[in-house]
Amino acid sequence: MPSNGSRMVAPLNIAVIGGGYAGMAAAVTLAARGIPVTVFENARQLGGRARGVSHHHTQLDNGQHILLGCYRQTLDIIQQVGGNIEQDFLRLPLQLTLHRHFSLHAPRLPAPWHTLLGLLGARGLSWAERINAIRFMLALRRSNFRLVQDLSVQDLLHAHHQSAAAVRYLWQPICISALNTPLHMASAQVLLNVLRDSLNGLRSDSDMLLPRMDFSALFPQRAADYIQQRGGSVLTSCSVEQIVPSGEGIDLSTATGTHRFSHVICAVAPAAAARLLHNILQLMPLAARIAAIAHQPIYTIYLQYPEQVCLPQAMLGLDGGVAQWLFDRGQIGGQHGLIAAVISAEGLHQKMSHEQLAQTVIQELRDCLNIAAAPLWYQTIAEKRATFSCTAGLVRPPQITPLSNIFLAGDYTAGDYPATLEGAVRSGIHCANLIG
């Protein structure tokens, strides 16, 4: 019996809705503390918008993602569940190559000298343009990468007198890769957050890490094993149809019946989160706010060529066509002859059929890289709502909701980062820390 004036505290029993990087990060953090946790994932495989898929007996991803050395929480939690960073990734020092147009390779020097000297030696810009880019970076450092008020990346670059060539070959590829949002819309402050963490700390913070395995195997599947070994549950092909607050707990209506929990972390994509929350009176305004978030697409065209076909380097940019980035999966993960072409953010390519898009990319590889062989097969994967549109001045929903036992996790929630794996993982860990 509790003593007079004391209050019986209900035991923690947490539901995580969504088995992507945000949800699995939350569940791992809870499981590590011995807190009972159940993950509900609608799909058959874990990973959410960073998941493995299979085609022609070949393991692919629904899209290519790059991690940076500064993505410490993601790298730490991968290691926590049994990953080995040096074995799981191909690590490349900071580099940016647009075939026949631009090349930047940072030397192995302490930050920020590696960036500044990399800019100084960049090929494809005039001497004056390189000096101006260095002045821009130094100005950002003096301001601690903070703006008085957010503005578009395009306006920020114009204010710092960046030339058309510097914008096209340097800043636009960086912005599109990091924020997946066109320059005239993209948040300059969020881009500066990424530049601050990747270029202004340790030299290794700017390293690019390309996973050698698919994104489900990299973390979510390992995380599921970790959770289950500590008494938790991970249920795939099990959708949550309704969230019903009931007394001091929450009931979840699922395909397997109704389950009761003390807390819920909603870690699904924004559209799904809005659908789940809009029937809860206290959360209706939040659901409407989430539903109003705009999105940007990512298209990935996989091309399986004969095994001897390879790119000049593992990651290569193109300029002036449809394909933006090429990844040589042979050099990265031993899938020889497999090339992934990535097209980020909105554009005219969205009006093309998957077949037209694939044929266009095949022709670009023939014209730019003299790849005369025909691919043995190809597959276009379109994630039309791949990321939230990271626009200037966007106020993102917080992890804490008006109900004290319902939390939001996901890369679209409040945070310094754009729609990245690091942003997702940070949000999931933060939600778990808010609970216990």
Protein backbone atom coordinates (compact mmCIF):
# COMPACT_ATOMS: atom_id res chain seq x y z
CA MET A 1 0.00 0.00 0.00
CA PRO A 2 1.33 3.48 -0.78
CA SER A 3 1.78 5.81 2.17
CA ASN A 4 -0.61 8.73 2.78
CA GLY A 5 -0.05 11.50 0.28
CA SER A 6 1.81 9.25 -2.13
CA ARG A 7 0.50 8.21 -5.49
CA MET A 8 0.67 4.90 -7.27
CA VAL A 9 2.73 5.29 -10.45
CA ALA A 10 1.62 3.12 -13.36
CA PRO A 11 4.42 1.05 -14.89
CA LEU A 12 5.84 2.23 -18.17
CA ASN A 13 4.77 0.30 -21.26
CA ILE A 14 5.64 2.15 -24.47
CA ALA A 15 4.27 1.75 -27.97
CA VAL A 16 6.31 3.03 -30.91
CA ILE A 17 4.32 3.39 -34.11
CA GLY A 18 6.67 3.15 -37.08
CA GLY A 19 9.74 1.00 -37.63
CA GLY A 20 11.86 3.55 -39.50
CA TYR A 21 15.04 5.14 -38.20
CA ALA A 22 13.21 7.48 -35.81
CA GLY A 23 11.00 4.80 -34.32
CA MET A 24 13.73 2.20 -33.99
CA ALA A 25 16.10 4.73 -32.40
CA ALA A 26 13.42 5.52 -29.81
CA ALA A 27 12.75 1.84 -29.16
CA VAL A 28 16.46 0.96 -28.81
CA THR A 29 16.96 3.81 -26.34
CA LEU A 30 14.03 2.61 -24.23
CA ALA A 31 15.00 -1.06 -24.45
CA ALA A 32 18.54 -0.23 -23.30
CA ARG A 33 17.01 1.10 -20.07
CA GLY A 34 14.89 -1.99 -19.52
CA ILE A 35 11.63 -0.22 -20.36
CA PRO A 36 9.05 -2.46 -22.08
CA VAL A 37 8.53 -1.34 -25.67
CA THR A 38 6.47 -2.61 -28.61
CA VAL A 39 7.12 -1.41 -32.16
CA PHE A 40 4.28 -1.52 -34.71
CA GLU A 41 5.32 -1.37 -38.37
CA ASN A 42 2.76 -1.40 -41.16
CA ALA A 43 5.14 -2.72 -43.83
CA ARG A 44 6.72 -6.16 -44.05
CA GLN A 45 10.22 -4.72 -43.71
CA LEU A 46 11.67 -2.17 -41.34
CA GLY A 47 13.30 1.10 -42.35
CA GLY A 48 10.48 3.41 -43.39
CA ARG A 49 11.74 5.84 -46.04
CA ALA A 50 15.25 4.38 -45.77
CA ARG A 51 14.63 0.71 -46.38
CA GLY A 52 15.96 -2.19 -48.37
CA VAL A 53 14.08 -3.53 -51.39
CA SER A 54 14.76 -6.47 -53.69
CA HIS A 55 14.68 -6.51 -57.49
CA HIS A 56 16.02 -9.13 -59.93
CA HIS A 57 17.43 -11.06 -56.96
CA THR A 58 19.49 -7.98 -56.10
CA GLN A 59 19.29 -6.12 -52.80
CA LEU A 60 18.67 -2.41 -53.36
CA ASP A 61 17.45 0.56 -51.34
CA ASN A 62 14.38 2.66 -51.96
CA GLY A 63 16.86 5.53 -52.32
CA GLN A 64 20.52 6.37 -51.77
CA HIS A 65 21.43 8.12 -48.53
CA ILE A 66 24.78 9.55 -47.46
CA LEU A 67 25.83 9.87 -43.85
CA LEU A 68 28.37 12.44 -42.70
CA GLY A 69 31.02 11.96 -40.07
CA CYS A 70 29.22 14.50 -37.87
CA TYR A 71 26.09 12.31 -37.72
CA ARG A 72 27.26 11.02 -34.36
CA GLN A 73 23.96 9.88 -32.88
CA THR A 74 23.18 7.75 -35.93
CA LEU A 75 26.67 6.24 -36.01
CA ASP A 76 26.63 5.64 -32.26
CA ILE A 77 23.28 3.85 -32.27
CA ILE A 78 24.32 1.68 -35.23
CA GLN A 79 27.30 0.58 -33.17
CA GLN A 80 25.10 0.13 -30.09
CA VAL A 81 23.04 -2.54 -31.89
CA GLY A 82 26.08 -4.37 -33.23
CA GLY A 83 27.24 -2.44 -36.29
CA ASN A 84 30.85 -1.76 -37.18
CA ILE A 85 31.27 1.66 -38.79
CA GLU A 86 34.52 0.92 -40.57
CA GLN A 87 33.15 -2.31 -42.05
CA ASP A 88 29.61 -1.11 -42.74
CA PHE A 89 30.57 2.02 -44.69
CA LEU A 90 32.86 3.18 -47.43
CA ARG A 91 34.36 6.33 -45.90
CA LEU A 92 35.39 9.09 -48.30
CA PRO A 93 37.07 12.38 -47.32
CA LEU A 94 35.18 15.53 -48.28
CA GLN A 95 34.92 15.72 -52.06
CA LEU A 96 32.58 17.10 -54.68
CA THR A 97 33.03 16.14 -58.32
CA LEU A 98 30.76 17.15 -61.19
CA HIS A 99 32.05 15.25 -64.20
CA ARG A 100 33.95 17.54 -66.61
CA HIS A 101 32.81 20.67 -64.77
CA PHE A 102 33.97 20.91 -61.18
CA SER A 103 36.18 19.12 -58.68
CA LEU A 104 36.86 19.78 -54.99
CA HIS A 105 38.95 17.44 -52.84
CA ALA A 106 39.70 18.52 -49.28
CA PRO A 107 43.22 17.69 -48.04
CA ARG A 108 43.70 15.73 -44.82
CA LEU A 109 44.22 18.80 -42.64
CA PRO A 110 42.45 19.94 -39.46
CA ALA A 111 39.15 21.77 -39.90
CA PRO A 112 38.50 24.37 -41.16
CA TRP A 113 41.75 24.42 -43.14
CA HIS A 114 40.76 21.31 -45.09
CA THR A 115 37.65 23.11 -46.38
CA LEU A 116 39.37 26.43 -47.07
CA LEU A 117 42.29 24.85 -48.93
CA GLY A 118 39.90 22.52 -50.72
CA LEU A 119 38.01 25.57 -51.99
CA LEU A 120 41.25 27.30 -52.91
CA GLY A 121 42.32 24.36 -55.08
CA ALA A 122 38.92 23.61 -56.57
CA ARG A 123 38.86 23.18 -60.35
CA GLY A 124 36.05 24.68 -62.37
CA LEU A 125 35.91 28.11 -60.75
CA SER A 126 38.06 31.15 -61.41
CA TRP A 127 40.57 32.37 -58.85
CA ALA A 128 38.26 35.23 -57.87
CA GLU A 129 35.30 32.87 -57.48
CA ARG A 130 37.29 30.56 -55.22
CA ILE A 131 38.49 33.46 -53.05
CA ASN A 132 34.92 34.73 -52.80
CA ALA A 133 33.70 31.28 -51.70
CA ILE A 134 36.38 31.25 -48.99
CA ARG A 135 35.30 34.72 -47.83
CA PHE A 136 31.74 33.42 -47.62
CA MET A 137 32.80 30.48 -45.43
CA LEU A 138 34.84 32.76 -43.17
CA ALA A 139 31.87 35.12 -42.80
CA LEU A 140 29.71 32.16 -41.77
CA ARG A 141 32.30 31.16 -39.15
CA ARG A 142 32.40 34.69 -37.73
CA SER A 143 28.62 34.62 -37.32
CA ASN A 144 28.81 31.14 -35.73
CA PHE A 145 26.67 29.96 -38.64
CA ARG A 146 23.65 31.82 -37.26
CA LEU A 147 21.33 34.16 -39.12
CA VAL A 148 19.34 36.94 -37.50
CA GLN A 149 16.38 35.80 -39.58
CA ASP A 150 16.01 32.82 -41.88
CA LEU A 151 15.96 33.39 -45.62
CA SER A 152 16.29 31.26 -48.72
CA VAL A 153 19.65 29.79 -49.67
CA GLN A 154 19.39 31.65 -52.98
CA ASP A 155 19.01 34.99 -51.18
CA LEU A 156 21.88 34.21 -48.81
CA LEU A 157 24.21 33.37 -51.70
CA HIS A 158 23.18 36.54 -53.52
CA ALA A 159 23.87 38.62 -50.39
CA HIS A 160 27.39 37.18 -50.28
CA HIS A 161 28.02 37.80 -53.99
CA GLN A 162 28.48 34.18 -55.00
CA SER A 163 28.86 33.90 -58.76
CA ALA A 164 26.52 31.96 -61.03
CA ALA A 165 29.22 29.32 -61.53
CA ALA A 166 29.85 28.94 -57.79
CA VAL A 167 26.13 28.57 -57.18
CA ARG A 168 25.68 26.03 -59.97
CA TYR A 169 28.71 23.85 -59.33
CA LEU A 170 29.27 24.20 -55.57
CA TRP A 171 26.40 25.52 -53.49
CA GLN A 172 23.45 24.11 -55.41
CA PRO A 173 24.71 20.48 -55.30
CA ILE A 174 25.42 20.85 -51.58
CA CYS A 175 22.02 22.37 -50.86
CA ILE A 176 20.04 19.86 -52.93
CA SER A 177 21.96 16.94 -51.42
CA ALA A 178 21.52 18.16 -47.84
CA LEU A 179 18.01 19.66 -47.88
CA ASN A 180 16.38 18.06 -50.95
CA THR A 181 14.79 21.45 -51.59
CA PRO A 182 15.42 23.94 -54.45
CA LEU A 183 17.61 26.93 -53.65
CA HIS A 184 14.91 29.55 -54.04
CA MET A 185 12.85 27.78 -51.34
CA ALA A 186 15.44 26.12 -49.11
CA SER A 187 16.14 27.29 -45.56
CA ALA A 188 19.52 28.97 -45.32
CA GLN A 189 19.63 28.46 -41.55
CA VAL A 190 19.14 24.70 -41.80
CA LEU A 191 21.86 24.51 -44.46
CA LEU A 192 24.17 26.50 -42.17
CA ASN A 193 23.44 24.04 -39.36
CA VAL A 194 24.71 21.21 -41.56
CA LEU A 195 27.76 23.22 -42.67
CA ARG A 196 28.52 24.14 -39.05
CA ASP A 197 28.53 20.55 -37.86
CA SER A 198 30.26 19.02 -40.88
CA LEU A 199 32.89 21.67 -41.70
CA ASN A 200 33.61 23.48 -38.46
CA GLY A 201 34.53 20.70 -36.04
CA LEU A 202 36.82 17.74 -36.56
CA ARG A 203 38.16 17.05 -40.04
CA SER A 204 36.48 13.64 -39.96
CA ASP A 205 33.09 15.32 -39.39
CA SER A 206 33.01 16.15 -43.11
CA ASP A 207 33.74 12.58 -44.22
CA MET A 208 31.07 11.02 -46.41
CA LEU A 209 29.97 7.54 -45.40
CA LEU A 210 28.33 5.34 -48.05
CA PRO A 211 26.66 2.21 -46.62
CA ARG A 212 27.92 -1.09 -48.01
CA MET A 213 24.62 -2.83 -47.14
CA ASP A 214 20.96 -1.95 -47.56
CA PHE A 215 19.39 0.49 -45.11
CA SER A 216 17.11 -2.04 -43.43
CA ALA A 217 20.07 -4.28 -42.61
CA LEU A 218 22.28 -1.35 -41.56
CA PHE A 219 20.23 -0.40 -38.49
CA PRO A 220 16.51 -1.33 -38.22
CA GLN A 221 16.94 -5.11 -38.48
CA ARG A 222 19.81 -5.06 -35.99
CA ALA A 223 17.74 -2.79 -33.77
CA ALA A 224 14.85 -5.28 -33.85
CA ASP A 225 17.16 -8.04 -32.59
CA TYR A 226 18.50 -5.73 -29.88
CA ILE A 227 14.98 -4.83 -28.71
CA GLN A 228 13.72 -8.41 -28.71
CA GLN A 229 16.76 -9.62 -26.79
CA ARG A 230 15.79 -7.16 -24.04
CA GLY A 231 12.18 -8.29 -23.81
CA GLY A 232 10.59 -5.90 -26.30
CA SER A 233 8.50 -6.73 -29.37
CA VAL A 234 8.78 -5.65 -33.00
CA LEU A 235 5.66 -6.38 -35.03
CA THR A 236 5.83 -6.00 -38.82
CA SER A 237 2.83 -6.09 -41.18
CA CYS A 238 0.85 -4.76 -38.24
CA SER A 239 -0.81 -1.41 -38.84
CA VAL A 240 -2.18 0.87 -36.15
CA GLU A 241 -5.64 2.02 -37.16
CA GLN A 242 -6.49 4.30 -34.27
CA ILE A 243 -5.00 5.96 -31.19
CA VAL A 244 -7.53 6.30 -28.36
CA PRO A 245 -6.57 8.10 -25.12
CA SER A 246 -8.31 6.30 -22.25
CA GLY A 247 -7.91 7.44 -18.68
CA GLU A 248 -4.20 7.63 -17.90
CA GLY A 249 -3.33 5.21 -20.70
CA ILE A 250 -3.70 4.90 -24.44
CA ASP A 251 -5.41 2.18 -26.46
CA LEU A 252 -4.11 1.29 -29.90
CA SER A 253 -6.47 -0.41 -32.34
CA THR A 254 -4.41 -2.70 -34.57
CA ALA A 255 -4.86 -5.60 -36.93
CA THR A 256 -4.23 -7.94 -34.00
CA GLY A 257 -6.71 -6.28 -31.64
CA THR A 258 -6.62 -3.49 -29.07
CA HIS A 259 -3.49 -2.97 -26.98
CA ARG A 260 -3.06 -0.67 -23.99
CA PHE A 261 0.06 1.39 -23.30
CA SER A 262 1.20 4.09 -20.91
CA HIS A 263 2.82 6.18 -23.67
CA VAL A 264 2.93 6.31 -27.45
CA ILE A 265 5.67 7.61 -29.72
CA CYS A 266 4.21 8.29 -33.16
CA ALA A 267 7.15 7.85 -35.54
CA VAL A 268 5.46 7.50 -38.91
CA ALA A 269 5.62 9.74 -41.98
CA PRO A 270 3.80 13.08 -41.70
CA ALA A 271 0.71 12.06 -43.71
CA ALA A 272 0.26 8.92 -41.62
CA ALA A 273 0.82 10.87 -38.39
CA ALA A 274 -1.83 13.42 -39.37
CA ARG A 275 -4.28 10.60 -40.10
CA LEU A 276 -3.68 8.93 -36.73
CA LEU A 277 -3.90 12.14 -34.71
CA HIS A 278 -6.77 14.00 -36.36
CA ASN A 279 -9.51 12.09 -34.47
CA ILE A 280 -8.08 13.08 -31.07
CA LEU A 281 -9.75 16.34 -30.03
CA GLN A 282 -6.73 17.81 -28.24
CA LEU A 283 -4.46 17.01 -31.20
CA MET A 284 -6.65 18.18 -34.10
CA PRO A 285 -4.76 21.48 -34.59
CA LEU A 286 -1.44 19.62 -34.51
CA ALA A 287 -2.72 17.06 -37.02
CA ALA A 288 -3.82 19.86 -39.36
CA ARG A 289 -0.41 21.48 -39.04
CA ILE A 290 1.35 18.22 -39.89
CA ALA A 291 -0.97 17.58 -42.84
CA ALA A 292 -0.06 21.00 -44.27
CA ILE A 293 3.67 20.18 -44.51
CA ALA A 294 4.84 20.17 -48.13
CA HIS A 295 7.08 17.42 -49.49
CA GLN A 296 9.82 16.88 -52.04
CA PRO A 297 10.51 13.77 -54.16
CA ILE A 298 13.60 11.65 -54.73
CA TYR A 299 13.90 9.39 -57.78
CA THR A 300 16.46 6.61 -57.94
CA ILE A 301 17.17 4.73 -61.17
CA TYR A 302 19.08 1.49 -60.70
CA LEU A 303 20.93 0.23 -63.77
CA GLN A 304 22.52 -3.20 -63.75
CA TYR A 305 25.28 -3.25 -66.35
CA PRO A 306 27.72 -6.08 -67.06
CA GLU A 307 30.10 -6.56 -64.12
CA GLN A 308 33.07 -4.86 -65.81
CA VAL A 309 31.23 -1.52 -66.08
CA CYS A 310 32.27 0.96 -63.42
CA LEU A 311 32.43 4.70 -62.75
CA PRO A 312 35.64 6.76 -62.41
CA GLN A 313 34.88 6.99 -58.68
CA ALA A 314 32.35 5.65 -56.20
CA MET A 315 30.24 8.83 -56.19
CA LEU A 316 30.10 11.17 -59.16
CA GLY A 317 27.96 14.20 -59.96
CA LEU A 318 26.61 15.19 -63.36
CA ASP A 319 25.58 18.64 -64.52
CA GLY A 320 23.19 19.78 -67.21
CA GLY A 321 21.08 16.65 -67.56
CA VAL A 322 18.48 14.75 -65.58
CA ALA A 323 20.68 12.60 -63.32
CA GLN A 324 22.36 14.54 -60.51
CA TRP A 325 24.44 11.92 -58.69
CA LEU A 326 25.74 8.50 -59.67
CA PHE A 327 26.76 5.82 -57.17
CA ASP A 328 28.87 2.85 -58.19
CA ARG A 329 27.52 0.05 -56.04
CA GLY A 330 30.40 -2.17 -57.15
CA GLN A 331 32.97 0.11 -55.54
CA ILE A 332 30.76 0.75 -52.51
CA GLY A 333 29.32 -2.66 -51.71
CA GLY A 334 30.66 -5.23 -54.19
CA GLN A 335 27.56 -5.20 -56.44
CA HIS A 336 29.63 -4.94 -59.60
CA GLY A 337 28.09 -3.23 -62.61
CA LEU A 338 25.23 -1.78 -60.55
CA ILE A 339 24.90 1.99 -60.84
CA ALA A 340 22.35 4.09 -58.97
CA ALA A 341 21.37 7.45 -60.49
CA VAL A 342 19.70 9.87 -58.09
CA ILE A 343 17.48 12.87 -58.84
CA SER A 344 16.64 14.97 -55.79
CA ALA A 345 13.91 17.58 -55.30
CA GLU A 346 11.17 18.68 -57.65
CA GLY A 347 11.73 19.24 -61.36
CA LEU A 348 10.71 18.52 -64.93
CA HIS A 349 11.69 14.87 -64.52
CA GLN A 350 8.48 14.35 -62.55
CA LYS A 351 6.52 14.67 -65.81
CA MET A 352 8.40 11.74 -67.36
CA SER A 353 7.29 8.12 -67.15
CA HIS A 354 9.57 5.70 -65.34
CA GLU A 355 10.56 4.19 -68.69
CA GLN A 356 11.35 7.59 -70.21
CA LEU A 357 13.36 8.55 -67.16
CA ALA A 358 15.42 5.37 -67.25
CA GLN A 359 16.11 5.70 -70.97
CA THR A 360 17.15 9.33 -70.51
CA VAL A 361 19.64 8.39 -67.78
CA ILE A 362 21.00 5.52 -69.89
CA GLN A 363 21.64 8.00 -72.71
CA GLU A 364 23.33 10.45 -70.33
CA LEU A 365 25.69 7.73 -69.11
CA ARG A 366 26.46 6.87 -72.72
CA ASP A 367 27.12 10.49 -73.66
CA CYS A 368 28.99 11.61 -70.52
CA LEU A 369 30.89 8.49 -69.51
CA ASN A 370 31.05 6.49 -72.75
CA ILE A 371 29.17 3.56 -71.24
CA ALA A 372 28.17 1.92 -74.50
CA ALA A 373 26.91 -1.36 -73.03
CA ALA A 374 23.19 -1.74 -72.57
CA PRO A 375 22.03 -2.40 -69.00
CA LEU A 376 20.88 -5.95 -68.30
CA TRP A 377 17.94 -4.52 -66.38
CA TYR A 378 16.89 -1.26 -64.79
CA GLN A 379 14.43 -0.18 -62.15
CA THR A 380 13.09 3.27 -61.29
CA ILE A 381 12.02 3.90 -57.69
CA ALA A 382 10.08 7.10 -57.08
CA GLU A 383 9.59 8.32 -53.53
CA LYS A 384 7.21 11.18 -54.27
CA ARG A 385 7.05 12.26 -50.62
CA ALA A 386 10.61 11.36 -49.74
CA THR A 387 11.29 14.34 -47.46
CA PHE A 388 9.56 17.37 -46.07
CA SER A 389 10.21 20.54 -48.04
CA CYS A 390 12.82 22.30 -45.90
CA THR A 391 11.74 25.85 -46.66
CA ALA A 392 12.91 29.13 -45.15
CA GLY A 393 11.07 30.06 -41.97
CA LEU A 394 9.34 26.69 -41.62
CA VAL A 395 8.21 26.07 -38.03
CA ARG A 396 8.24 22.32 -37.50
CA PRO A 397 6.05 20.52 -34.95
CA PRO A 398 7.70 19.74 -31.60
CA GLN A 399 8.20 16.24 -30.21
CA ILE A 400 6.00 17.10 -27.21
CA THR A 401 2.26 17.20 -27.97
CA PRO A 402 -0.65 18.67 -25.96
CA LEU A 403 -1.17 15.17 -24.51
CA SER A 404 1.56 14.33 -22.02
CA ASN A 405 1.78 10.66 -23.02
CA ILE A 406 1.86 11.06 -26.82
CA PHE A 407 5.08 12.13 -28.55
CA LEU A 408 6.09 12.79 -32.15
CA ALA A 409 9.28 11.47 -33.73
CA GLY A 410 10.51 11.88 -37.27
CA ASP A 411 12.92 13.92 -39.34
CA TYR A 412 10.14 16.48 -39.98
CA THR A 413 9.79 17.37 -36.30
CA ALA A 414 11.59 20.30 -34.66
CA GLY A 415 15.36 20.15 -34.89
CA ASP A 416 18.48 21.64 -36.43
CA TYR A 417 18.69 19.21 -39.33
CA PRO A 418 16.81 18.69 -42.58
CA ALA A 419 15.21 15.37 -43.55
CA THR A 420 18.22 13.18 -42.83
CA LEU A 421 18.78 9.92 -40.99
CA GLU A 422 20.52 11.94 -38.28
CA GLY A 423 17.48 14.17 -37.89
CA ALA A 424 15.24 11.10 -37.59
CA VAL A 425 17.48 9.36 -35.06
CA ARG A 426 17.87 12.49 -32.95
CA SER A 427 14.11 12.93 -32.74
CA GLY A 428 13.56 9.31 -31.72
CA ILE A 429 16.20 9.42 -29.00
CA HIS A 430 14.81 12.71 -27.73
CA CYS A 431 11.31 11.24 -27.42
CA ALA A 432 12.65 8.27 -25.49
CA ASN A 433 14.55 10.60 -23.15
CA LEU A 434 11.38 12.61 -22.51
CA ILE A 435 9.66 9.47 -21.24
CA GLY A 436 12.24 7.95 -18.97
